[in-house]
Amino acid sequence: MLDDIPAALPALMRAHKIQKRCSRVGFDWTTIGPVLDKVHEKIDEVMHEAQQAVIDQDKLKEEIGDLLFATVNLSRYLGSKAVNAVDRTQPETINCRTRRIRVYYLPVLVIHSIVFKPTFSGSA
């Protein structure tokens, strides 16, 4: 069922195609609630792995991959392609250096902001 989806596709595009195909054969949720629950579940799993005394990098990568896959599914469920949403995050990106930063570091910053939510102390 999924064998004809090229493994060489960029990861977000491949994840979207896989989930779209699964949806077509009836493997999908009927409401948004469970889709969001899955994203939250995957965030919790990433946080759990990231907060271990000794971080297992392979396990952390696996959990981050699961989170990205669930997020792609959320985007698909809402009628959008995750890759297009990422592209829209910084439409002013025009030069190679900025593009390189966006491609390589933006996903890391997004995951970091999810896992390590900043806390503020003191009075306003």
PDB file of N, CA and C in Angstrom:
ATOM      1  N   MET A   1       0.816  -1.193   0.000  1.00  0.00           N
ATOM      2  CA  MET A   1       0.000   0.000   0.000  1.00  0.00           C
ATOM      3  C   MET A   1       0.864   1.263   0.000  1.00  0.00           C
ATOM      4  N   LEU A   2       2.026   1.202   0.647  1.00  0.00           N
ATOM      5  CA  LEU A   2       2.890   2.378   0.736  1.00  0.00           C
ATOM      6  C   LEU A   2       4.183   2.216  -0.052  1.00  0.00           C
ATOM      7  N   ASP A   3       4.368   1.059  -0.664  1.00  0.00           N
ATOM      8  CA  ASP A   3       5.632   0.755  -1.341  1.00  0.00           C
ATOM      9  C   ASP A   3       5.957   1.698  -2.488  1.00  0.00           C
ATOM     10  N   ASP A   4       4.946   2.291  -3.115  1.00  0.00           N
ATOM     11  CA  ASP A   4       5.210   3.149  -4.269  1.00  0.00           C
ATOM     12  C   ASP A   4       5.496   4.603  -3.879  1.00  0.00           C
ATOM     13  N   ILE A   5       5.497   4.913  -2.584  1.00  0.00           N
ATOM     14  CA  ILE A   5       5.863   6.261  -2.138  1.00  0.00           C
ATOM     15  C   ILE A   5       7.381   6.306  -2.044  1.00  0.00           C
ATOM     16  N   PRO A   6       8.028   7.120  -2.872  1.00  0.00           N
ATOM     17  CA  PRO A   6       9.495   7.112  -2.943  1.00  0.00           C
ATOM     18  C   PRO A   6      10.172   7.446  -1.611  1.00  0.00           C
ATOM     19  N   ALA A   7      11.097   6.601  -1.212  1.00  0.00           N
ATOM     20  CA  ALA A   7      11.865   6.827   0.016  1.00  0.00           C
ATOM     21  C   ALA A   7      12.755   8.056  -0.123  1.00  0.00           C
ATOM     22  N   ALA A   8      13.053   8.446  -1.361  1.00  0.00           N
ATOM     23  CA  ALA A   8      13.950   9.582  -1.600  1.00  0.00           C
ATOM     24  C   ALA A   8      13.257  10.938  -1.436  1.00  0.00           C
ATOM     25  N   LEU A   9      11.945  10.948  -1.255  1.00  0.00           N
ATOM     26  CA  LEU A   9      11.243  12.223  -1.053  1.00  0.00           C
ATOM     27  C   LEU A   9      11.737  12.895   0.225  1.00  0.00           C
ATOM     28  N   PRO A  10      11.703  14.226   0.274  1.00  0.00           N
ATOM     29  CA  PRO A  10      11.997  14.905   1.541  1.00  0.00           C
ATOM     30  C   PRO A  10      11.049  14.381   2.632  1.00  0.00           C
ATOM     31  N   ALA A  11      11.549  14.310   3.848  1.00  0.00           N
ATOM     32  CA  ALA A  11      10.837  13.647   4.944  1.00  0.00           C
ATOM     33  C   ALA A  11       9.420  14.175   5.170  1.00  0.00           C
ATOM     34  N   LEU A  12       9.235  15.495   5.168  1.00  0.00           N
ATOM     35  CA  LEU A  12       7.894  16.033   5.413  1.00  0.00           C
ATOM     36  C   LEU A  12       6.931  15.666   4.289  1.00  0.00           C
ATOM     37  N   MET A  13       7.407  15.692   3.058  1.00  0.00           N
ATOM     38  CA  MET A  13       6.558  15.326   1.920  1.00  0.00           C
ATOM     39  C   MET A  13       6.196  13.844   1.979  1.00  0.00           C
ATOM     40  N   ARG A  14       7.174  13.011   2.305  1.00  0.00           N
ATOM     41  CA  ARG A  14       6.933  11.569   2.402  1.00  0.00           C
ATOM     42  C   ARG A  14       5.932  11.276   3.517  1.00  0.00           C
ATOM     43  N   ALA A  15       6.104  11.906   4.669  1.00  0.00           N
ATOM     44  CA  ALA A  15       5.173  11.697   5.786  1.00  0.00           C
ATOM     45  C   ALA A  15       3.755  12.104   5.387  1.00  0.00           C
ATOM     46  N   HIS A  16       3.630  13.226   4.681  1.00  0.00           N
ATOM     47  CA  HIS A  16       2.311  13.688   4.239  1.00  0.00           C
ATOM     48  C   HIS A  16       1.675  12.661   3.301  1.00  0.00           C
ATOM     49  N   LYS A  17       2.439  12.173   2.334  1.00  0.00           N
ATOM     50  CA  LYS A  17       1.906  11.202   1.372  1.00  0.00           C
ATOM     51  C   LYS A  17       1.497   9.904   2.064  1.00  0.00           C
ATOM     52  N   ILE A  18       2.307   9.447   3.013  1.00  0.00           N
ATOM     53  CA  ILE A  18       1.981   8.223   3.750  1.00  0.00           C
ATOM     54  C   ILE A  18       0.665   8.407   4.500  1.00  0.00           C
ATOM     55  N   GLN A  19       0.526   9.513   5.194  1.00  0.00           N
ATOM     56  CA  GLN A  19      -0.673   9.715   5.993  1.00  0.00           C
ATOM     57  C   GLN A  19      -1.904   9.968   5.129  1.00  0.00           C
ATOM     58  N   LYS A  20      -1.720  10.623   4.010  1.00  0.00           N
ATOM     59  CA  LYS A  20      -2.833  10.834   3.078  1.00  0.00           C
ATOM     60  C   LYS A  20      -3.318   9.487   2.535  1.00  0.00           C
ATOM     61  N   ARG A  21      -2.371   8.633   2.193  1.00  0.00           N
ATOM     62  CA  ARG A  21      -2.716   7.301   1.680  1.00  0.00           C
ATOM     63  C   ARG A  21      -3.457   6.498   2.750  1.00  0.00           C
ATOM     64  N   CYS A  22      -2.973   6.540   3.974  1.00  0.00           N
ATOM     65  CA  CYS A  22      -3.638   5.826   5.071  1.00  0.00           C
ATOM     66  C   CYS A  22      -5.060   6.341   5.271  1.00  0.00           C
ATOM     67  N   SER A  23      -5.233   7.640   5.152  1.00  0.00           N
ATOM     68  CA  SER A  23      -6.552   8.238   5.302  1.00  0.00           C
ATOM     69  C   SER A  23      -7.507   7.732   4.228  1.00  0.00           C
ATOM     70  N   ARG A  24      -7.007   7.595   3.009  1.00  0.00           N
ATOM     71  CA  ARG A  24      -7.846   7.150   1.890  1.00  0.00           C
ATOM     72  C   ARG A  24      -8.393   5.739   2.086  1.00  0.00           C
ATOM     73  N   VAL A  25      -7.657   4.920   2.833  1.00  0.00           N
ATOM     74  CA  VAL A  25      -8.119   3.544   3.046  1.00  0.00           C
ATOM     75  C   VAL A  25      -8.816   3.381   4.395  1.00  0.00           C
ATOM     76  N   GLY A  26      -9.173   4.513   5.023  1.00  0.00           N
ATOM     77  CA  GLY A  26      -9.979   4.466   6.228  1.00  0.00           C
ATOM     78  C   GLY A  26      -9.230   4.549   7.538  1.00  0.00           C
ATOM     79  N   PHE A  27      -7.913   4.684   7.490  1.00  0.00           N
ATOM     80  CA  PHE A  27      -7.142   4.801   8.727  1.00  0.00           C
ATOM     81  C   PHE A  27      -6.962   6.278   9.039  1.00  0.00           C
ATOM     82  N   ASP A  28      -7.991   6.852   9.679  1.00  0.00           N
ATOM     83  CA  ASP A  28      -7.963   8.278  10.002  1.00  0.00           C
ATOM     84  C   ASP A  28      -8.944   8.524  11.138  1.00  0.00           C
ATOM     85  N   TRP A  29      -8.785   9.639  11.800  1.00  0.00           N
ATOM     86  CA  TRP A  29      -9.711  10.013  12.858  1.00  0.00           C
ATOM     87  C   TRP A  29     -10.861  10.800  12.257  1.00  0.00           C
ATOM     88  N   THR A  30     -12.018  10.739  12.934  1.00  0.00           N
ATOM     89  CA  THR A  30     -13.198  11.442  12.422  1.00  0.00           C
ATOM     90  C   THR A  30     -13.326  12.845  12.992  1.00  0.00           C
ATOM     91  N   THR A  31     -12.595  13.131  14.078  1.00  0.00           N
ATOM     92  CA  THR A  31     -12.621  14.469  14.674  1.00  0.00           C
ATOM     93  C   THR A  31     -11.192  14.910  14.979  1.00  0.00           C
ATOM     94  N   ILE A  32     -11.022  16.192  15.224  1.00  0.00           N
ATOM     95  CA  ILE A  32      -9.694  16.765  15.476  1.00  0.00           C
ATOM     96  C   ILE A  32      -9.128  16.361  16.842  1.00  0.00           C
ATOM     97  N   GLY A  33      -9.985  16.076  17.810  1.00  0.00           N
ATOM     98  CA  GLY A  33      -9.539  15.776  19.168  1.00  0.00           C
ATOM     99  C   GLY A  33      -8.440  14.728  19.266  1.00  0.00           C
ATOM    100  N   PRO A  34      -8.648  13.543  18.704  1.00  0.00           N
ATOM    101  CA  PRO A  34      -7.612  12.514  18.787  1.00  0.00           C
ATOM    102  C   PRO A  34      -6.318  12.887  18.053  1.00  0.00           C
ATOM    103  N   VAL A  35      -6.443  13.677  17.007  1.00  0.00           N
ATOM    104  CA  VAL A  35      -5.248  14.121  16.272  1.00  0.00           C
ATOM    105  C   VAL A  35      -4.404  15.008  17.185  1.00  0.00           C
ATOM    106  N   LEU A  36      -5.055  15.950  17.847  1.00  0.00           N
ATOM    107  CA  LEU A  36      -4.351  16.826  18.786  1.00  0.00           C
ATOM    108  C   LEU A  36      -3.818  16.040  19.982  1.00  0.00           C
ATOM    109  N   ASP A  37      -4.602  15.075  20.461  1.00  0.00           N
ATOM    110  CA  ASP A  37      -4.139  14.237  21.572  1.00  0.00           C
ATOM    111  C   ASP A  37      -2.846  13.516  21.214  1.00  0.00           C
ATOM    112  N   LYS A  38      -2.757  13.040  19.977  1.00  0.00           N
ATOM    113  CA  LYS A  38      -1.550  12.327  19.536  1.00  0.00           C
ATOM    114  C   LYS A  38      -0.352  13.267  19.516  1.00  0.00           C
ATOM    115  N   VAL A  39      -0.545  14.495  19.049  1.00  0.00           N
ATOM    116  CA  VAL A  39       0.554  15.470  19.048  1.00  0.00           C
ATOM    117  C   VAL A  39       1.007  15.740  20.485  1.00  0.00           C
ATOM    118  N   HIS A  40       0.048  15.941  21.384  1.00  0.00           N
ATOM    119  CA  HIS A  40       0.400  16.189  22.793  1.00  0.00           C
ATOM    120  C   HIS A  40       1.112  14.980  23.407  1.00  0.00           C
ATOM    121  N   GLU A  41       0.650  13.790  23.072  1.00  0.00           N
ATOM    122  CA  GLU A  41       1.300  12.566  23.563  1.00  0.00           C
ATOM    123  C   GLU A  41       2.758  12.521  23.108  1.00  0.00           C
ATOM    124  N   LYS A  42       2.992  12.859  21.854  1.00  0.00           N
ATOM    125  CA  LYS A  42       4.356  12.816  21.317  1.00  0.00           C
ATOM    126  C   LYS A  42       5.227  13.908  21.931  1.00  0.00           C
ATOM    127  N   ILE A  43       4.648  15.077  22.212  1.00  0.00           N
ATOM    128  CA  ILE A  43       5.400  16.131  22.906  1.00  0.00           C
ATOM    129  C   ILE A  43       5.825  15.625  24.281  1.00  0.00           C
ATOM    130  N   ASP A  44       4.895  14.987  24.985  1.00  0.00           N
ATOM    131  CA  ASP A  44       5.222  14.443  26.309  1.00  0.00           C
ATOM    132  C   ASP A  44       6.352  13.422  26.229  1.00  0.00           C
ATOM    133  N   GLU A  45       6.339  12.590  25.195  1.00  0.00           N
ATOM    134  CA  GLU A  45       7.385  11.582  25.045  1.00  0.00           C
ATOM    135  C   GLU A  45       8.742  12.222  24.752  1.00  0.00           C
ATOM    136  N   VAL A  46       8.748  13.267  23.932  1.00  0.00           N
ATOM    137  CA  VAL A  46      10.003  13.986  23.667  1.00  0.00           C
ATOM    138  C   VAL A  46      10.508  14.611  24.959  1.00  0.00           C
ATOM    139  N   MET A  47       9.617  15.245  25.691  1.00  0.00           N
ATOM    140  CA  MET A  47      10.019  15.880  26.949  1.00  0.00           C
ATOM    141  C   MET A  47      10.573  14.853  27.930  1.00  0.00           C
ATOM    142  N   HIS A  48       9.930  13.701  28.008  1.00  0.00           N
ATOM    143  CA  HIS A  48      10.398  12.646  28.910  1.00  0.00           C
ATOM    144  C   HIS A  48      11.823  12.232  28.559  1.00  0.00           C
ATOM    145  N   GLU A  49      12.064  11.979  27.287  1.00  0.00           N
ATOM    146  CA  GLU A  49      13.410  11.562  26.859  1.00  0.00           C
ATOM    147  C   GLU A  49      14.434  12.671  27.063  1.00  0.00           C
ATOM    148  N   ALA A  50      14.045  13.906  26.782  1.00  0.00           N
ATOM    149  CA  ALA A  50      14.983  15.031  26.872  1.00  0.00           C
ATOM    150  C   ALA A  50      15.349  15.369  28.312  1.00  0.00           C
ATOM    151  N   GLN A  51      14.544  14.937  29.255  1.00  0.00           N
ATOM    152  CA  GLN A  51      14.791  15.272  30.656  1.00  0.00           C
ATOM    153  C   GLN A  51      15.448  14.144  31.441  1.00  0.00           C
ATOM    154  N   GLN A  52      15.891  13.108  30.751  1.00  0.00           N
ATOM    155  CA  GLN A  52      16.587  12.012  31.432  1.00  0.00           C
ATOM    156  C   GLN A  52      17.962  12.472  31.885  1.00  0.00           C
ATOM    157  N   ALA A  53      18.456  11.883  32.964  1.00  0.00           N
ATOM    158  CA  ALA A  53      19.797  12.226  33.461  1.00  0.00           C
ATOM    159  C   ALA A  53      20.841  11.940  32.389  1.00  0.00           C
ATOM    160  N   VAL A  54      20.684  10.816  31.715  1.00  0.00           N
ATOM    161  CA  VAL A  54      21.549  10.474  30.586  1.00  0.00           C
ATOM    162  C   VAL A  54      20.630  10.323  29.380  1.00  0.00           C
ATOM    163  N   ILE A  55      20.791  11.216  28.425  1.00  0.00           N
ATOM    164  CA  ILE A  55      19.897  11.225  27.263  1.00  0.00           C
ATOM    165  C   ILE A  55      20.373  10.205  26.241  1.00  0.00           C
ATOM    166  N   ASP A  56      19.466   9.314  25.870  1.00  0.00           N
ATOM    167  CA  ASP A  56      19.713   8.349  24.804  1.00  0.00           C
ATOM    168  C   ASP A  56      19.374   9.062  23.491  1.00  0.00           C
ATOM    169  N   GLN A  57      20.401   9.503  22.767  1.00  0.00           N
ATOM    170  CA  GLN A  57      20.190  10.308  21.561  1.00  0.00           C
ATOM    171  C   GLN A  57      19.376   9.564  20.506  1.00  0.00           C
ATOM    172  N   ASP A  58      19.582   8.252  20.379  1.00  0.00           N
ATOM    173  CA  ASP A  58      18.807   7.489  19.397  1.00  0.00           C
ATOM    174  C   ASP A  58      17.325   7.483  19.759  1.00  0.00           C
ATOM    175  N   LYS A  59      17.032   7.273  21.026  1.00  0.00           N
ATOM    176  CA  LYS A  59      15.637   7.276  21.476  1.00  0.00           C
ATOM    177  C   LYS A  59      15.030   8.673  21.321  1.00  0.00           C
ATOM    178  N   LEU A  60      15.804   9.707  21.649  1.00  0.00           N
ATOM    179  CA  LEU A  60      15.317  11.078  21.508  1.00  0.00           C
ATOM    180  C   LEU A  60      15.009  11.390  20.043  1.00  0.00           C
ATOM    181  N   LYS A  61      15.896  10.990  19.135  1.00  0.00           N
ATOM    182  CA  LYS A  61      15.644  11.208  17.701  1.00  0.00           C
ATOM    183  C   LYS A  61      14.382  10.484  17.256  1.00  0.00           C
ATOM    184  N   GLU A  62      14.190   9.270  17.753  1.00  0.00           N
ATOM    185  CA  GLU A  62      12.995   8.504  17.408  1.00  0.00           C
ATOM    186  C   GLU A  62      11.731   9.232  17.880  1.00  0.00           C
ATOM    187  N   GLU A  63      11.772   9.734  19.105  1.00  0.00           N
ATOM    188  CA  GLU A  63      10.608  10.445  19.645  1.00  0.00           C
ATOM    189  C   GLU A  63      10.356  11.754  18.905  1.00  0.00           C
ATOM    190  N   ILE A  64      11.414  12.470  18.550  1.00  0.00           N
ATOM    191  CA  ILE A  64      11.249  13.706  17.771  1.00  0.00           C
ATOM    192  C   ILE A  64      10.667  13.375  16.398  1.00  0.00           C
ATOM    193  N   GLY A  65      11.122  12.293  15.795  1.00  0.00           N
ATOM    194  CA  GLY A  65      10.558  11.858  14.522  1.00  0.00           C
ATOM    195  C   GLY A  65       9.072  11.549  14.641  1.00  0.00           C
ATOM    196  N   ASP A  66       8.697  10.864  15.728  1.00  0.00           N
ATOM    197  CA  ASP A  66       7.280  10.574  15.964  1.00  0.00           C
ATOM    198  C   ASP A  66       6.474  11.863  16.122  1.00  0.00           C
ATOM    199  N   LEU A  67       7.055  12.837  16.832  1.00  0.00           N
ATOM    200  CA  LEU A  67       6.384  14.130  17.008  1.00  0.00           C
ATOM    201  C   LEU A  67       6.199  14.838  15.668  1.00  0.00           C
ATOM    202  N   LEU A  68       7.237  14.856  14.860  1.00  0.00           N
ATOM    203  CA  LEU A  68       7.126  15.498  13.545  1.00  0.00           C
ATOM    204  C   LEU A  68       6.089  14.785  12.682  1.00  0.00           C
ATOM    205  N   PHE A  69       6.065  13.455  12.730  1.00  0.00           N
ATOM    206  CA  PHE A  69       5.096  12.676  11.959  1.00  0.00           C
ATOM    207  C   PHE A  69       3.671  13.015  12.410  1.00  0.00           C
ATOM    208  N   ALA A  70       3.457  13.110  13.724  1.00  0.00           N
ATOM    209  CA  ALA A  70       2.132  13.462  14.249  1.00  0.00           C
ATOM    210  C   ALA A  70       1.747  14.885  13.858  1.00  0.00           C
ATOM    211  N   THR A  71       2.721  15.787  13.831  1.00  0.00           N
ATOM    212  CA  THR A  71       2.460  17.172  13.446  1.00  0.00           C
ATOM    213  C   THR A  71       2.118  17.270  11.960  1.00  0.00           C
ATOM    214  N   VAL A  72       2.795  16.486  11.142  1.00  0.00           N
ATOM    215  CA  VAL A  72       2.464  16.434   9.716  1.00  0.00           C
ATOM    216  C   VAL A  72       1.028  15.938   9.548  1.00  0.00           C
ATOM    217  N   ASN A  73       0.643  14.946  10.338  1.00  0.00           N
ATOM    218  CA  ASN A  73      -0.720  14.438  10.254  1.00  0.00           C
ATOM    219  C   ASN A  73      -1.733  15.500  10.671  1.00  0.00           C
ATOM    220  N   LEU A  74      -1.428  16.261  11.702  1.00  0.00           N
ATOM    221  CA  LEU A  74      -2.305  17.362  12.118  1.00  0.00           C
ATOM    222  C   LEU A  74      -2.472  18.361  10.979  1.00  0.00           C
ATOM    223  N   SER A  75      -1.382  18.722  10.359  1.00  0.00           N
ATOM    224  CA  SER A  75      -1.425  19.659   9.239  1.00  0.00           C
ATOM    225  C   SER A  75      -2.277  19.091   8.102  1.00  0.00           C
ATOM    226  N   ARG A  76      -2.060  17.819   7.770  1.00  0.00           N
ATOM    227  CA  ARG A  76      -2.836  17.165   6.710  1.00  0.00           C
ATOM    228  C   ARG A  76      -4.315  17.146   7.067  1.00  0.00           C
ATOM    229  N   TYR A  77      -4.612  16.809   8.300  1.00  0.00           N
ATOM    230  CA  TYR A  77      -6.001  16.729   8.753  1.00  0.00           C
ATOM    231  C   TYR A  77      -6.708  18.078   8.604  1.00  0.00           C
ATOM    232  N   LEU A  78      -5.957  19.147   8.829  1.00  0.00           N
ATOM    233  CA  LEU A  78      -6.523  20.498   8.726  1.00  0.00           C
ATOM    234  C   LEU A  78      -6.490  21.050   7.302  1.00  0.00           C
ATOM    235  N   GLY A  79      -6.052  20.223   6.347  1.00  0.00           N
ATOM    236  CA  GLY A  79      -6.096  20.620   4.946  1.00  0.00           C
ATOM    237  C   GLY A  79      -4.879  21.350   4.441  1.00  0.00           C
ATOM    238  N   SER A  80      -3.768  21.204   5.118  1.00  0.00           N
ATOM    239  CA  SER A  80      -2.545  21.894   4.721  1.00  0.00           C
ATOM    240  C   SER A  80      -1.402  20.893   4.630  1.00  0.00           C
ATOM    241  N   LYS A  81      -0.380  21.265   3.900  1.00  0.00           N
ATOM    242  CA  LYS A  81       0.844  20.466   3.859  1.00  0.00           C
ATOM    243  C   LYS A  81       1.842  21.106   4.814  1.00  0.00           C
ATOM    244  N   ALA A  82       2.413  20.299   5.690  1.00  0.00           N
ATOM    245  CA  ALA A  82       3.363  20.817   6.683  1.00  0.00           C
ATOM    246  C   ALA A  82       4.532  21.523   6.014  1.00  0.00           C
ATOM    247  N   VAL A  83       4.993  20.982   4.901  1.00  0.00           N
ATOM    248  CA  VAL A  83       6.135  21.597   4.221  1.00  0.00           C
ATOM    249  C   VAL A  83       5.790  23.013   3.763  1.00  0.00           C
ATOM    250  N   ASN A  84       4.557  23.235   3.323  1.00  0.00           N
ATOM    251  CA  ASN A  84       4.135  24.583   2.931  1.00  0.00           C
ATOM    252  C   ASN A  84       4.027  25.496   4.145  1.00  0.00           C
ATOM    253  N   ALA A  85       3.574  24.953   5.256  1.00  0.00           N
ATOM    254  CA  ALA A  85       3.472  25.750   6.483  1.00  0.00           C
ATOM    255  C   ALA A  85       4.854  26.191   6.943  1.00  0.00           C
ATOM    256  N   VAL A  86       5.830  25.296   6.873  1.00  0.00           N
ATOM    257  CA  VAL A  86       7.200  25.655   7.252  1.00  0.00           C
ATOM    258  C   VAL A  86       7.729  26.725   6.307  1.00  0.00           C
ATOM    259  N   ASP A  87       7.459  26.569   5.024  1.00  0.00           N
ATOM    260  CA  ASP A  87       7.921  27.565   4.053  1.00  0.00           C
ATOM    261  C   ASP A  87       7.325  28.944   4.318  1.00  0.00           C
ATOM    262  N   ARG A  88       6.111  28.989   4.850  1.00  0.00           N
ATOM    263  CA  ARG A  88       5.450  30.278   5.111  1.00  0.00           C
ATOM    264  C   ARG A  88       5.924  30.935   6.396  1.00  0.00           C
ATOM    265  N   THR A  89       6.677  30.223   7.218  1.00  0.00           N
ATOM    266  CA  THR A  89       7.083  30.795   8.497  1.00  0.00           C
ATOM    267  C   THR A  89       7.982  31.996   8.323  1.00  0.00           C
ATOM    268  N   GLN A  90       8.763  32.013   7.259  1.00  0.00           N
ATOM    269  CA  GLN A  90       9.669  33.134   7.013  1.00  0.00           C
ATOM    270  C   GLN A  90       9.728  33.428   5.515  1.00  0.00           C
ATOM    271  N   PRO A  91       8.654  34.001   4.965  1.00  0.00           N
ATOM    272  CA  PRO A  91       8.633  34.236   3.522  1.00  0.00           C
ATOM    273  C   PRO A  91       9.673  35.235   3.043  1.00  0.00           C
ATOM    274  N   GLU A  92      10.240  36.023   3.960  1.00  0.00           N
ATOM    275  CA  GLU A  92      11.248  37.004   3.554  1.00  0.00           C
ATOM    276  C   GLU A  92      12.621  36.374   3.322  1.00  0.00           C
ATOM    277  N   THR A  93      12.719  35.064   3.543  1.00  0.00           N
ATOM    278  CA  THR A  93      13.998  34.385   3.365  1.00  0.00           C
ATOM    279  C   THR A  93      14.382  34.395   1.887  1.00  0.00           C
ATOM    280  N   ILE A  94      15.453  35.116   1.547  1.00  0.00           N
ATOM    281  CA  ILE A  94      15.834  35.204   0.139  1.00  0.00           C
ATOM    282  C   ILE A  94      17.285  34.847  -0.122  1.00  0.00           C
ATOM    283  N   ASN A  95      18.165  34.983   0.850  1.00  0.00           N
ATOM    284  CA  ASN A  95      19.560  34.677   0.539  1.00  0.00           C
ATOM    285  C   ASN A  95      19.945  33.300   1.061  1.00  0.00           C
ATOM    286  N   CYS A  96      21.002  32.772   0.528  1.00  0.00           N
ATOM    287  CA  CYS A  96      21.423  31.406   0.810  1.00  0.00           C
ATOM    288  C   CYS A  96      21.726  31.181   2.287  1.00  0.00           C
ATOM    289  N   ARG A  97      22.390  32.120   2.916  1.00  0.00           N
ATOM    290  CA  ARG A  97      22.765  31.936   4.320  1.00  0.00           C
ATOM    291  C   ARG A  97      21.529  31.849   5.205  1.00  0.00           C
ATOM    292  N   THR A  98      20.581  32.752   5.009  1.00  0.00           N
ATOM    293  CA  THR A  98      19.365  32.731   5.808  1.00  0.00           C
ATOM    294  C   THR A  98      18.574  31.465   5.524  1.00  0.00           C
ATOM    295  N   ARG A  99      18.523  31.047   4.267  1.00  0.00           N
ATOM    296  CA  ARG A  99      17.824  29.825   3.902  1.00  0.00           C
ATOM    297  C   ARG A  99      18.463  28.629   4.603  1.00  0.00           C
ATOM    298  N   ARG A 100      19.779  28.595   4.650  1.00  0.00           N
ATOM    299  CA  ARG A 100      20.495  27.501   5.306  1.00  0.00           C
ATOM    300  C   ARG A 100      20.160  27.467   6.797  1.00  0.00           C
ATOM    301  N   ILE A 101      20.117  28.628   7.419  1.00  0.00           N
ATOM    302  CA  ILE A 101      19.768  28.694   8.841  1.00  0.00           C
ATOM    303  C   ILE A 101      18.356  28.154   9.052  1.00  0.00           C
ATOM    304  N   ARG A 102      17.426  28.567   8.198  1.00  0.00           N
ATOM    305  CA  ARG A 102      16.046  28.115   8.338  1.00  0.00           C
ATOM    306  C   ARG A 102      15.938  26.604   8.183  1.00  0.00           C
ATOM    307  N   VAL A 103      16.580  26.050   7.184  1.00  0.00           N
ATOM    308  CA  VAL A 103      16.478  24.622   6.908  1.00  0.00           C
ATOM    309  C   VAL A 103      17.124  23.788   8.009  1.00  0.00           C
ATOM    310  N   TYR A 104      18.293  24.209   8.479  1.00  0.00           N
ATOM    311  CA  TYR A 104      19.027  23.391   9.444  1.00  0.00           C
ATOM    312  C   TYR A 104      18.701  23.692  10.899  1.00  0.00           C
ATOM    313  N   TYR A 105      18.428  24.932  11.237  1.00  0.00           N
ATOM    314  CA  TYR A 105      18.293  25.280  12.648  1.00  0.00           C
ATOM    315  C   TYR A 105      16.870  25.542  13.107  1.00  0.00           C
ATOM    316  N   LEU A 106      15.958  25.926  12.224  1.00  0.00           N
ATOM    317  CA  LEU A 106      14.592  26.198  12.649  1.00  0.00           C
ATOM    318  C   LEU A 106      13.936  24.981  13.300  1.00  0.00           C
ATOM    319  N   PRO A 107      14.031  23.779  12.701  1.00  0.00           N
ATOM    320  CA  PRO A 107      13.425  22.624  13.379  1.00  0.00           C
ATOM    321  C   PRO A 107      14.007  22.387  14.773  1.00  0.00           C
ATOM    322  N   VAL A 108      15.294  22.605  14.938  1.00  0.00           N
ATOM    323  CA  VAL A 108      15.927  22.431  16.248  1.00  0.00           C
ATOM    324  C   VAL A 108      15.368  23.448  17.237  1.00  0.00           C
ATOM    325  N   LEU A 109      15.218  24.689  16.800  1.00  0.00           N
ATOM    326  CA  LEU A 109      14.685  25.731  17.678  1.00  0.00           C
ATOM    327  C   LEU A 109      13.234  25.452  18.059  1.00  0.00           C
ATOM    328  N   VAL A 110      12.448  24.935  17.118  1.00  0.00           N
ATOM    329  CA  VAL A 110      11.054  24.617  17.409  1.00  0.00           C
ATOM    330  C   VAL A 110      10.983  23.519  18.461  1.00  0.00           C
ATOM    331  N   ILE A 111      11.734  22.440  18.256  1.00  0.00           N
ATOM    332  CA  ILE A 111      11.738  21.340  19.225  1.00  0.00           C
ATOM    333  C   ILE A 111      12.249  21.841  20.571  1.00  0.00           C
ATOM    334  N   HIS A 112      13.306  22.645  20.564  1.00  0.00           N
ATOM    335  CA  HIS A 112      13.865  23.172  21.813  1.00  0.00           C
ATOM    336  C   HIS A 112      12.820  23.989  22.563  1.00  0.00           C
ATOM    337  N   SER A 113      12.036  24.797  21.848  1.00  0.00           N
ATOM    338  CA  SER A 113      11.031  25.628  22.518  1.00  0.00           C
ATOM    339  C   SER A 113       9.895  24.785  23.075  1.00  0.00           C
ATOM    340  N   ILE A 114       9.625  23.624  22.460  1.00  0.00           N
ATOM    341  CA  ILE A 114       8.594  22.726  22.972  1.00  0.00           C
ATOM    342  C   ILE A 114       9.097  22.014  24.226  1.00  0.00           C
ATOM    343  N   VAL A 115      10.316  21.518  24.157  1.00  0.00           N
ATOM    344  CA  VAL A 115      10.868  20.711  25.240  1.00  0.00           C
ATOM    345  C   VAL A 115      11.260  21.557  26.439  1.00  0.00           C
ATOM    346  N   PHE A 116      11.913  22.675  26.181  1.00  0.00           N
ATOM    347  CA  PHE A 116      12.426  23.507  27.263  1.00  0.00           C
ATOM    348  C   PHE A 116      11.680  24.834  27.287  1.00  0.00           C
ATOM    349  N   LYS A 117      10.432  24.791  27.723  1.00  0.00           N
ATOM    350  CA  LYS A 117       9.627  26.012  27.778  1.00  0.00           C
ATOM    351  C   LYS A 117      10.288  26.987  28.738  1.00  0.00           C
ATOM    352  N   PRO A 118      10.528  28.215  28.278  1.00  0.00           N
ATOM    353  CA  PRO A 118      11.171  29.184  29.164  1.00  0.00           C
ATOM    354  C   PRO A 118      10.260  29.541  30.333  1.00  0.00           C
ATOM    355  N   THR A 119      10.875  29.703  31.483  1.00  0.00           N
ATOM    356  CA  THR A 119      10.121  30.150  32.650  1.00  0.00           C
ATOM    357  C   THR A 119      10.674  31.490  33.081  1.00  0.00           C
ATOM    358  N   PHE A 120       9.799  32.346  33.497  1.00  0.00           N
ATOM    359  CA  PHE A 120      10.196  33.681  33.909  1.00  0.00           C
ATOM    360  C   PHE A 120       9.898  33.842  35.391  1.00  0.00           C
ATOM    361  N   SER A 121      10.800  34.487  36.085  1.00  0.00           N
ATOM    362  CA  SER A 121      10.568  34.736  37.503  1.00  0.00           C
ATOM    363  C   SER A 121      10.731  36.220  37.775  1.00  0.00           C
ATOM    364  N   GLY A 122      10.265  36.624  38.896  1.00  0.00           N
ATOM    365  CA  GLY A 122      10.365  38.041  39.238  1.00  0.00           C
ATOM    366  C   GLY A 122       9.042  38.737  39.028  1.00  0.00           C
ATOM    367  N   SER A 123       8.999  39.967  39.428  1.00  0.00           N
ATOM    368  CA  SER A 123       7.754  40.720  39.287  1.00  0.00           C
ATOM    369  C   SER A 123       7.830  41.635  38.081  1.00  0.00           C
ATOM    370  N   ALA A 124       6.668  41.944  37.552  1.00  0.00           N
ATOM    371  CA  ALA A 124       6.592  42.798  36.367  1.00  0.00           C
ATOM    372  C   ALA A 124       6.643  44.246  36.743  1.00  0.00           C
TER     373      ALA A 124
END
